[in-house]
Every structure is written in structure tokens, then in C-alpha cells.
Amino acid sequence: MKNLLFYGTTNYGFELNESDKEKFLELSGSFHCFVMTYGEDNRLIENNSVTIKYIKKPRGLINQYFKFYIFNFRKLIKFIKNNNIKIVSAKDPVSAFLPILIKKYFIKDLQTIIEHHGEFSELLLNQRKFYLKRLIRKLLLILSNFTYKNCDLIRGVEKESTSKIAKKYNKKNIVFPAWVNNKIYLKKNLERKNFLFVGNVIPRKGVLFIIKQFDRFVKENKLDEKLIIAGDAPNKSYLNKCENFIKVNNIKNVIFTGKKNPQEISDLMNSSKLLLMASSFEGLPRVLIESGLCGLPSLASDIQGISTPFGKYGGTLLYKYNDAEDFIFNIDKFYKDLEFQLELSDKSSELCNNLSGENKFKNKWEKIEEMLYEK
């Protein structure tokens, strides 16, 4: 079995949750798995199915990005050599910079993969407020151009954008969704009420738009439904903006739960009527697969990565991005038709079980290995 390193700033924590344990356990049947990421301090933890090297996370967002993406060269090459790493999968085209630099000039037979979730510079810059956006965007484009030119394979989550970038750089590519634990995300016989948002509370996710339209809908229809917002809030100024709107308009039925573990999210999805999304940009949202496995239909903006496959084949109602009237029309249509609700629930479940069945994730990674070493 080859030694496979996942390189990126994914927050695993010092103790893996049950979902991550299952993911690496599945992969361990075909690979010796390693991870290098940020942690609260410098630490190496050997789990049963994965070894994780944590690098102490510095203060300040810019410092964090530069330390991991640019100045982590010595630690990374030492880790690769000491652990006989054969394949490195980078979380995005910028975190791929150091692995590909190492491949190009030091370890020629190192195989490198870039995970493609859409236009990375837009994903990053729209998460929170940045100064010198033009300069940062230009730097990101330079780094991305270098990594895409020199990587061995692009692993995407959405077909259209992945095919486009692979064609531009003439690279092998494969498309499949992110890992979803279908032992946690599954249908349960719980009473369904209220509406749900799951994800980071950031501008790109359109949380304030959802709050405004939800408040209008329940007031116009004199409903006592609640909107539950489950997720971390890395952008404090945007969270304050949402909370101020709630306070000024005397809204009592919006609840922020903070970050929840996968089991808690599954329970929320099984006890909600509809998942609400208002993203301006997505790859292939894992939350839509998780909600579909729980039989939870969704209402989402008609953007790339959502329209197909979820809007076309699954139980996702689509509205024109940022169009309040279209949002209200669709949520009203859903709420007042129980038969329609059940139909969308079944469609969601069927599509998402097809996308994330047992061992499909491992099988796709075996296919990646085959593609990397084929002559």
C-alpha cells in the first residue's frame, strides 16, 4: 500500500470525531494515511488508521496562511521523506504550492493531487474582510497557475468546473463528492418541524438574506416555525450584523446553535422540514448530500454545483440567486403542500445514497492511484 498524505488546514482537532474515524478507517484498507494540518500546538498523533502531524497555529489570519502555504517547507519535506510519502493530496491549489515545489525540484517521483472546489481565490476572499484584495488575488492566481501546471491530477467535486480547469492545464482529472458518513447521516423517524441552515456564518453563505426572507415568510403567514442556524462564525463582524438585524426587528424565532458535531447535525436534519441555502458560490456542497441522506429536502440558490445534480435530479428547490420574491414563492409552495414535501424528501434520499454509498469514497481513491501510475 502507498503512503498518502492529506495536506491542508482542515481542522481535525486532537481527537477525531466519529465521522473522520470512519473516513480514514475506510481508506486504510487501501492506503497508509497521513495528515499535516494546524493544531493548538506542535504534536504528532498516531491513530489506528491515520497519523496526524499538527503544526501550531499562529495568531492572525494572514500569518496562518503564509506560515502553512509558504514557510512550512522544511517541516513538510522532512515529513515526506521520513514517512516515505508517495502521494500528496493538497486541499486547494494554494496549499499545493509546497508539495509541488518539492516534487519539481527535490523528489521527482512524488505524485501530487489538487482538490478543486471551484475558484479558490473567490472562495477565500469572500469568507471575510481582507485588505489589499487585489494584491492577494494576484498572488493567489500566480500560485494557482504554478500548481495546476505542475500537478499530476486534479480531483474535483463538481464536473463542469473541474473539466474546465483540467482542459485548461491538460491534466488528468476525476470527480467525486467529499466524504460523507452514511452511518451517521441517515433517515430517522423524528418529528419534522422548523427550518435549518448548516454551515459557517459568513457573507458567501448568505445567512443574513436567509434570516430576512424567513422572517418575512413566517410573519406573512402567521407561523411559529423557527430557523435554526448551526455552524461556526469565523467572521465576527458578519455575525454581529446578523444579530443586530434580529435585535432591531425584534425577531424571536431565529436560533444560533454554534458549531455542532456530525451526530448533532444529523439529528437536526432529521427533525427539520427544509434546509435553507443562499450561497453565492459552492463546489459540490457536502451539506446537501448529508441532508439528502437524512431525507431533508432543500431550498437553494441556482448556482453551479447546486443546480446539477441536486436541483436537476434531487430534492432541491432552486430560486434565482439573491431574489427574495423567488425565495418566498418556493418556500411557500413547499410549506403548503405535504405531498410535495414527501416527494422531494424521497428524491433527496435516492440521489444522495447514489452519490455516497458504502466504500465509494475508497474505490474512487483506488482509481486515483491507478490513474497516477498508469503508463
Protein backbone atom coordinates (compact mmCIF):
# COMPACT_ATOMS: atom_id res chain seq x y z
CA MET A 1 0.00 0.00 0.00
CA LYS A 2 1.15 3.52 -0.82
CA ASN A 3 1.63 6.20 1.85
CA LEU A 4 -0.87 9.01 1.21
CA LEU A 5 -0.61 12.48 2.78
CA PHE A 6 -3.53 14.91 3.01
CA TYR A 7 -2.08 18.41 3.23
CA GLY A 8 -4.22 21.42 4.21
CA THR A 9 -5.63 23.46 7.06
CA THR A 10 -8.67 21.27 7.76
CA ASN A 11 -9.41 21.42 11.49
CA TYR A 12 -9.46 17.81 12.69
CA GLY A 13 -8.81 18.53 16.35
CA PHE A 14 -6.57 16.37 18.53
CA GLU A 15 -9.37 13.84 18.94
CA LEU A 16 -11.01 12.70 15.71
CA ASN A 17 -14.79 12.74 15.58
CA GLU A 18 -16.61 9.52 14.64
CA SER A 19 -17.12 10.65 11.04
CA ASP A 20 -13.40 11.28 10.45
CA LYS A 21 -12.53 7.98 12.14
CA GLU A 22 -14.82 6.17 9.70
CA LYS A 23 -13.34 8.02 6.70
CA PHE A 24 -9.75 7.08 7.49
CA LEU A 25 -10.76 3.57 8.52
CA GLU A 26 -12.29 3.05 5.07
CA LEU A 27 -9.24 4.49 3.31
CA SER A 28 -6.85 2.44 5.45
CA GLY A 29 -7.91 -0.64 3.52
CA SER A 30 -6.03 0.73 0.50
CA PHE A 31 -3.55 3.35 1.83
CA HIS A 32 -1.38 4.21 4.81
CA CYS A 33 -2.90 7.61 5.60
CA PHE A 34 -1.17 10.71 6.94
CA VAL A 35 -2.36 14.28 7.55
CA MET A 36 -0.47 17.54 8.08
CA THR A 37 -2.59 20.39 9.39
CA TYR A 38 -2.87 23.11 12.05
CA GLY A 39 -3.43 22.41 15.75
CA GLU A 40 -3.27 24.20 19.08
CA ASP A 41 0.38 23.16 19.41
CA ASN A 42 3.03 21.09 17.63
CA ARG A 43 2.08 17.45 18.04
CA LEU A 44 2.18 14.07 16.29
CA ILE A 45 -0.75 11.73 16.99
CA GLU A 46 -0.84 8.17 15.67
CA ASN A 47 -4.43 6.99 15.40
CA ASN A 48 -5.39 3.46 14.37
CA SER A 49 -5.99 4.40 10.74
CA VAL A 50 -4.17 7.72 10.28
CA THR A 51 -1.11 9.59 11.58
CA ILE A 52 -1.64 13.34 12.01
CA LYS A 53 1.11 15.95 12.27
CA TYR A 54 -0.20 19.13 13.87
CA ILE A 55 1.62 22.45 13.39
CA LYS A 56 1.00 25.14 15.98
CA LYS A 57 -1.43 27.68 14.57
CA PRO A 58 -0.14 31.28 14.77
CA ARG A 59 -2.26 34.32 15.55
CA GLY A 60 -3.63 36.39 12.73
CA LEU A 61 -5.25 35.08 9.55
CA ILE A 62 -2.55 36.33 7.17
CA ASN A 63 0.18 34.80 9.38
CA GLN A 64 -1.70 31.49 9.34
CA TYR A 65 -1.89 31.34 5.56
CA PHE A 66 1.70 32.40 4.96
CA LYS A 67 3.12 30.04 7.59
CA PHE A 68 1.32 26.99 6.20
CA TYR A 69 1.33 27.76 2.48
CA ILE A 70 4.75 29.41 2.08
CA PHE A 71 7.01 28.92 5.11
CA ASN A 72 6.35 25.29 6.01
CA PHE A 73 8.88 23.89 3.53
CA ARG A 74 11.39 22.31 5.92
CA LYS A 75 8.78 20.56 8.08
CA LEU A 76 6.89 19.28 5.06
CA ILE A 77 9.86 17.83 3.12
CA LYS A 78 11.20 16.22 6.30
CA PHE A 79 7.79 14.65 7.00
CA ILE A 80 7.50 13.38 3.42
CA LYS A 81 10.98 11.81 3.49
CA ASN A 82 10.72 10.33 6.98
CA ASN A 83 7.37 8.70 6.24
CA ASN A 84 8.13 7.63 2.67
CA ILE A 85 5.12 9.56 1.36
CA LYS A 86 4.36 8.66 -2.27
CA ILE A 87 1.20 10.71 -2.89
CA VAL A 88 0.25 14.16 -1.57
CA SER A 89 -3.29 15.47 -1.88
CA ALA A 90 -3.48 19.22 -1.28
CA LYS A 91 -6.73 20.77 -0.09
CA ASP A 92 -6.63 23.54 -2.71
CA PRO A 93 -4.29 24.94 -5.42
CA VAL A 94 -2.51 27.28 -2.99
CA SER A 95 -1.79 24.70 -0.29
CA ALA A 96 -0.42 22.58 -3.17
CA PHE A 97 2.42 25.08 -3.69
CA LEU A 98 4.96 23.49 -1.31
CA PRO A 99 4.22 19.84 -2.22
CA ILE A 100 4.57 20.65 -5.91
CA LEU A 101 7.73 22.70 -5.30
CA ILE A 102 9.17 19.65 -3.50
CA LYS A 103 8.14 17.38 -6.37
CA LYS A 104 9.55 19.67 -9.06
CA TYR A 105 13.00 20.22 -7.51
CA PHE A 106 13.65 17.58 -4.82
CA ILE A 107 11.52 14.39 -5.01
CA LYS A 108 10.74 13.77 -8.67
CA ASP A 109 8.62 10.64 -8.18
CA LEU A 110 6.28 12.29 -5.65
CA GLN A 111 2.70 12.25 -7.00
CA THR A 112 0.65 15.38 -6.36
CA ILE A 113 -3.10 15.94 -6.40
CA ILE A 114 -5.02 19.21 -6.17
CA GLU A 115 -8.51 19.17 -4.74
CA HIS A 116 -10.66 21.51 -6.80
CA HIS A 117 -13.74 23.02 -5.15
CA GLY A 118 -14.23 25.90 -7.56
CA GLU A 119 -12.41 29.22 -7.90
CA PHE A 120 -10.27 29.18 -4.75
CA SER A 121 -9.43 32.91 -4.69
CA GLU A 122 -13.15 33.79 -4.66
CA LEU A 123 -13.93 31.17 -2.03
CA LEU A 124 -11.20 32.55 0.23
CA LEU A 125 -11.68 36.28 -0.32
CA ASN A 126 -15.45 36.12 0.15
CA GLN A 127 -15.22 34.38 3.52
CA ARG A 128 -14.27 37.50 5.42
CA LYS A 129 -12.94 41.02 5.03
CA PHE A 130 -9.42 41.30 3.57
CA TYR A 131 -7.29 44.36 2.99
CA LEU A 132 -5.27 44.60 -0.25
CA LYS A 133 -7.71 42.25 -2.01
CA ARG A 134 -6.29 42.97 -5.47
CA LEU A 135 -2.76 42.11 -4.39
CA ILE A 136 -3.87 38.95 -2.57
CA ARG A 137 -5.95 37.84 -5.56
CA LYS A 138 -2.98 38.33 -7.89
CA LEU A 139 -0.69 36.33 -5.60
CA LEU A 140 -3.25 33.52 -5.35
CA LEU A 141 -3.56 33.38 -9.14
CA ILE A 142 0.22 33.18 -9.57
CA LEU A 143 0.50 30.33 -7.05
CA SER A 144 -2.52 28.51 -8.51
CA ASN A 145 -1.18 28.79 -12.06
CA PHE A 146 2.14 27.25 -10.94
CA THR A 147 0.49 24.37 -9.07
CA TYR A 148 -2.06 23.48 -11.73
CA LYS A 149 0.67 23.47 -14.38
CA ASN A 150 2.84 21.07 -12.39
CA CYS A 151 0.42 18.76 -10.56
CA ASP A 152 -0.24 15.18 -11.62
CA LEU A 153 -4.01 15.07 -11.20
CA ILE A 154 -6.97 17.26 -10.30
CA ARG A 155 -9.62 15.80 -8.02
CA GLY A 156 -12.84 17.82 -8.27
CA VAL A 157 -16.21 17.64 -6.58
CA GLU A 158 -18.21 19.23 -9.41
CA LYS A 159 -17.97 18.13 -13.04
CA GLU A 160 -18.30 21.38 -15.02
CA SER A 161 -15.68 23.50 -13.25
CA THR A 162 -13.29 20.54 -12.87
CA SER A 163 -13.45 19.69 -16.58
CA LYS A 164 -12.80 23.33 -17.43
CA ILE A 165 -9.68 23.66 -15.27
CA ALA A 166 -8.37 20.22 -16.33
CA LYS A 167 -8.76 21.12 -20.00
CA LYS A 168 -7.00 24.45 -19.49
CA TYR A 169 -3.91 22.77 -17.99
CA ASN A 170 -4.20 19.46 -19.87
CA LYS A 171 -4.39 17.38 -16.68
CA LYS A 172 -5.89 14.06 -15.68
CA ASN A 173 -8.97 14.58 -13.55
CA ILE A 174 -11.57 12.70 -11.57
CA VAL A 175 -14.79 13.93 -9.96
CA PHE A 176 -16.46 12.61 -6.81
CA PRO A 177 -18.01 14.15 -3.68
CA ALA A 178 -16.34 14.76 -0.36
CA TRP A 179 -16.56 12.02 2.26
CA VAL A 180 -19.93 11.67 3.96
CA ASN A 181 -20.53 9.21 6.78
CA ASN A 182 -23.73 7.39 5.86
CA LYS A 183 -23.65 5.59 9.21
CA ILE A 184 -24.35 8.94 10.90
CA TYR A 185 -26.30 10.72 8.19
CA LEU A 186 -29.34 8.52 7.65
CA LYS A 187 -33.11 8.74 7.96
CA LYS A 188 -34.64 8.58 11.44
CA ASN A 189 -38.28 8.62 12.47
CA LEU A 190 -38.28 12.04 14.12
CA GLU A 191 -40.98 14.70 14.04
CA ARG A 192 -40.11 17.32 11.42
CA LYS A 193 -40.60 21.00 12.25
CA ASN A 194 -38.76 24.27 11.75
CA PHE A 195 -36.20 25.29 9.12
CA LEU A 196 -32.45 24.75 9.16
CA PHE A 197 -29.23 26.34 7.95
CA VAL A 198 -25.96 24.40 8.36
CA GLY A 199 -22.57 25.98 7.64
CA ASN A 200 -20.25 28.81 8.53
CA VAL A 201 -21.91 32.15 9.25
CA ILE A 202 -20.07 34.13 6.55
CA PRO A 203 -21.18 36.52 3.76
CA ARG A 204 -20.68 33.94 0.98
CA LYS A 205 -23.29 31.70 2.61
CA GLY A 206 -25.95 34.44 2.54
CA VAL A 207 -27.08 33.91 6.14
CA LEU A 208 -28.46 37.44 6.54
CA PHE A 209 -30.52 37.00 3.35
CA ILE A 210 -31.98 33.77 4.75
CA ILE A 211 -32.85 35.45 8.08
CA LYS A 212 -34.61 38.34 6.31
CA GLN A 213 -36.67 36.13 4.00
CA PHE A 214 -37.51 33.60 6.71
CA ASP A 215 -38.73 36.40 8.99
CA ARG A 216 -40.91 37.80 6.18
CA PHE A 217 -42.36 34.36 5.38
CA VAL A 218 -43.37 33.43 8.94
CA LYS A 219 -44.82 36.89 9.65
CA GLU A 220 -46.86 36.99 6.43
CA ASN A 221 -48.24 33.51 7.16
CA LYS A 222 -48.50 33.95 10.95
CA LEU A 223 -46.40 30.86 11.68
CA ASP A 224 -44.48 29.90 14.81
CA GLU A 225 -41.76 27.95 12.96
CA LYS A 226 -38.14 28.54 13.98
CA LEU A 227 -34.98 28.97 11.92
CA ILE A 228 -32.05 27.07 13.44
CA ILE A 229 -28.59 28.23 12.33
CA ALA A 230 -25.99 25.56 13.09
CA GLY A 231 -22.37 26.43 12.38
CA ASP A 232 -19.24 28.24 13.36
CA ALA A 233 -18.93 32.04 12.99
CA PRO A 234 -15.34 32.86 11.94
CA ASN A 235 -16.41 36.29 10.66
CA LYS A 236 -17.46 38.08 13.87
CA SER A 237 -18.41 41.34 12.16
CA TYR A 238 -20.85 39.49 9.89
CA LEU A 239 -22.29 37.58 12.86
CA ASN A 240 -22.81 40.92 14.63
CA LYS A 241 -24.57 42.26 11.52
CA CYS A 242 -26.97 39.28 11.58
CA GLU A 243 -27.57 39.60 15.32
CA ASN A 244 -28.18 43.36 15.05
CA PHE A 245 -30.81 42.81 12.35
CA ILE A 246 -32.53 40.26 14.59
CA LYS A 247 -32.47 42.65 17.54
CA VAL A 248 -33.66 45.74 15.63
CA ASN A 249 -36.55 43.81 14.07
CA ASN A 250 -37.48 42.06 17.32
CA ILE A 251 -37.14 38.58 15.80
CA LYS A 252 -37.65 35.84 18.39
CA ASN A 253 -37.60 32.66 16.30
CA VAL A 254 -34.00 32.55 14.96
CA ILE A 255 -31.60 30.41 16.99
CA PHE A 256 -27.80 30.28 16.62
CA THR A 257 -26.51 26.98 17.98
CA GLY A 258 -22.81 27.41 17.21
CA LYS A 259 -20.72 24.57 15.82
CA LYS A 260 -22.22 21.09 16.18
CA ASN A 261 -20.71 17.61 15.81
CA PRO A 262 -21.88 15.32 12.96
CA GLN A 263 -24.31 13.33 15.13
CA GLU A 264 -25.95 16.54 16.35
CA ILE A 265 -26.20 17.84 12.78
CA SER A 266 -27.80 14.56 11.69
CA ASP A 267 -30.40 14.88 14.45
CA LEU A 268 -31.16 18.47 13.41
CA MET A 269 -31.54 17.41 9.78
CA ASN A 270 -33.90 14.59 10.74
CA SER A 271 -36.07 16.92 12.81
CA SER A 272 -36.30 19.79 10.28
CA LYS A 273 -38.70 20.38 7.39
CA LEU A 274 -36.41 22.20 4.97
CA LEU A 275 -32.72 23.10 4.64
CA LEU A 276 -32.17 26.70 3.51
CA MET A 277 -29.16 27.86 1.49
CA ALA A 278 -28.27 31.21 -0.10
CA SER A 279 -24.66 30.69 -1.20
CA SER A 280 -23.11 32.87 -3.88
CA PHE A 281 -20.52 30.18 -4.68
CA GLU A 282 -20.10 26.46 -3.96
CA GLY A 283 -18.22 23.42 -5.24
CA LEU A 284 -20.50 20.45 -4.58
CA PRO A 285 -21.94 21.18 -1.13
CA ARG A 286 -21.44 18.26 1.23
CA VAL A 287 -24.27 19.61 3.37
CA LEU A 288 -26.72 18.79 0.56
CA ILE A 289 -25.53 15.18 0.49
CA GLU A 290 -25.75 14.93 4.28
CA SER A 291 -29.24 16.43 4.33
CA GLY A 292 -30.37 14.20 1.46
CA LEU A 293 -29.23 11.07 3.32
CA CYS A 294 -31.43 12.27 6.20
CA GLY A 295 -34.37 12.72 3.81
CA LEU A 296 -34.31 16.50 4.27
CA PRO A 297 -35.26 18.50 1.15
CA SER A 298 -33.61 21.86 0.50
CA LEU A 299 -34.16 25.31 -0.96
CA ALA A 300 -31.01 26.75 -2.54
CA SER A 301 -29.77 29.37 -4.98
CA ASP A 302 -29.43 28.24 -8.60
CA ILE A 303 -25.65 28.35 -8.80
CA GLN A 304 -23.06 25.97 -10.24
CA GLY A 305 -22.56 22.91 -8.04
CA ILE A 306 -26.17 23.02 -6.81
CA SER A 307 -28.29 23.25 -9.96
CA THR A 308 -26.70 19.99 -11.11
CA PRO A 309 -27.08 17.43 -9.67
CA PHE A 310 -29.25 18.50 -6.72
CA GLY A 311 -31.75 20.73 -8.50
CA LYS A 312 -31.94 18.58 -11.62
CA TYR A 313 -32.07 15.11 -10.04
CA GLY A 314 -32.52 15.54 -6.29
CA GLY A 315 -34.93 17.12 -3.87
CA THR A 316 -33.60 20.67 -4.04
CA LEU A 317 -35.88 23.56 -4.93
CA LEU A 318 -33.98 26.27 -6.81
CA TYR A 319 -34.53 30.02 -6.72
CA LYS A 320 -32.75 32.80 -8.57
CA TYR A 321 -29.69 33.85 -6.56
CA ASN A 322 -30.45 36.75 -4.21
CA ASP A 323 -34.04 37.01 -5.50
CA ALA A 324 -36.24 37.49 -2.44
CA GLU A 325 -39.53 37.05 -4.31
CA ASP A 326 -38.43 33.78 -5.87
CA PHE A 327 -37.22 32.53 -2.48
CA ILE A 328 -40.59 33.36 -0.87
CA PHE A 329 -42.53 31.79 -3.76
CA ASN A 330 -40.66 28.48 -3.43
CA ILE A 331 -40.71 28.24 0.36
CA ASP A 332 -44.44 28.99 0.32
CA LYS A 333 -45.04 26.33 -2.36
CA PHE A 334 -43.12 23.77 -0.31
CA TYR A 335 -44.72 24.58 3.04
CA LYS A 336 -48.30 24.34 1.86
CA ASP A 337 -48.05 21.01 0.01
CA LEU A 338 -47.37 17.94 2.19
CA GLU A 339 -47.37 15.55 -0.78
CA PHE A 340 -44.74 17.73 -2.48
CA GLN A 341 -42.63 17.68 0.71
CA LEU A 342 -42.64 13.86 0.77
CA GLU A 343 -41.79 13.67 -2.94
CA LEU A 344 -38.76 15.94 -2.50
CA SER A 345 -37.65 14.00 0.57
CA ASP A 346 -37.64 10.75 -1.42
CA LYS A 347 -35.75 12.35 -4.32
CA SER A 348 -33.12 13.78 -1.95
CA SER A 349 -32.60 10.42 -0.30
CA GLU A 350 -32.32 8.50 -3.57
CA LEU A 351 -29.80 10.86 -5.19
CA CYS A 352 -27.57 11.18 -2.15
CA ASN A 353 -27.46 7.44 -1.46
CA ASN A 354 -26.26 7.01 -5.05
CA LEU A 355 -23.56 9.66 -4.52
CA SER A 356 -22.18 8.33 -1.24
CA GLY A 357 -22.75 4.61 -0.90
CA GLU A 358 -20.52 2.36 1.20
CA ASN A 359 -16.88 2.13 0.03
CA LYS A 360 -17.50 4.51 -2.89
CA PHE A 361 -15.01 7.00 -1.43
CA LYS A 362 -12.29 4.35 -1.06
CA ASN A 363 -12.99 2.99 -4.53
CA LYS A 364 -12.53 6.45 -6.05
CA TRP A 365 -9.19 6.85 -4.28
CA GLU A 366 -8.08 3.48 -5.64
CA LYS A 367 -9.00 4.79 -9.08
CA ILE A 368 -6.84 7.87 -8.43
CA GLU A 369 -3.85 5.66 -7.60
CA GLU A 370 -4.43 3.71 -10.81
CA MET A 371 -4.58 6.93 -12.86
CA LEU A 372 -1.41 8.35 -11.25
CA TYR A 373 0.70 5.29 -12.03
CA GLU A 374 -0.75 4.24 -15.36
CA LYS A 375 1.76 4.34 -18.22
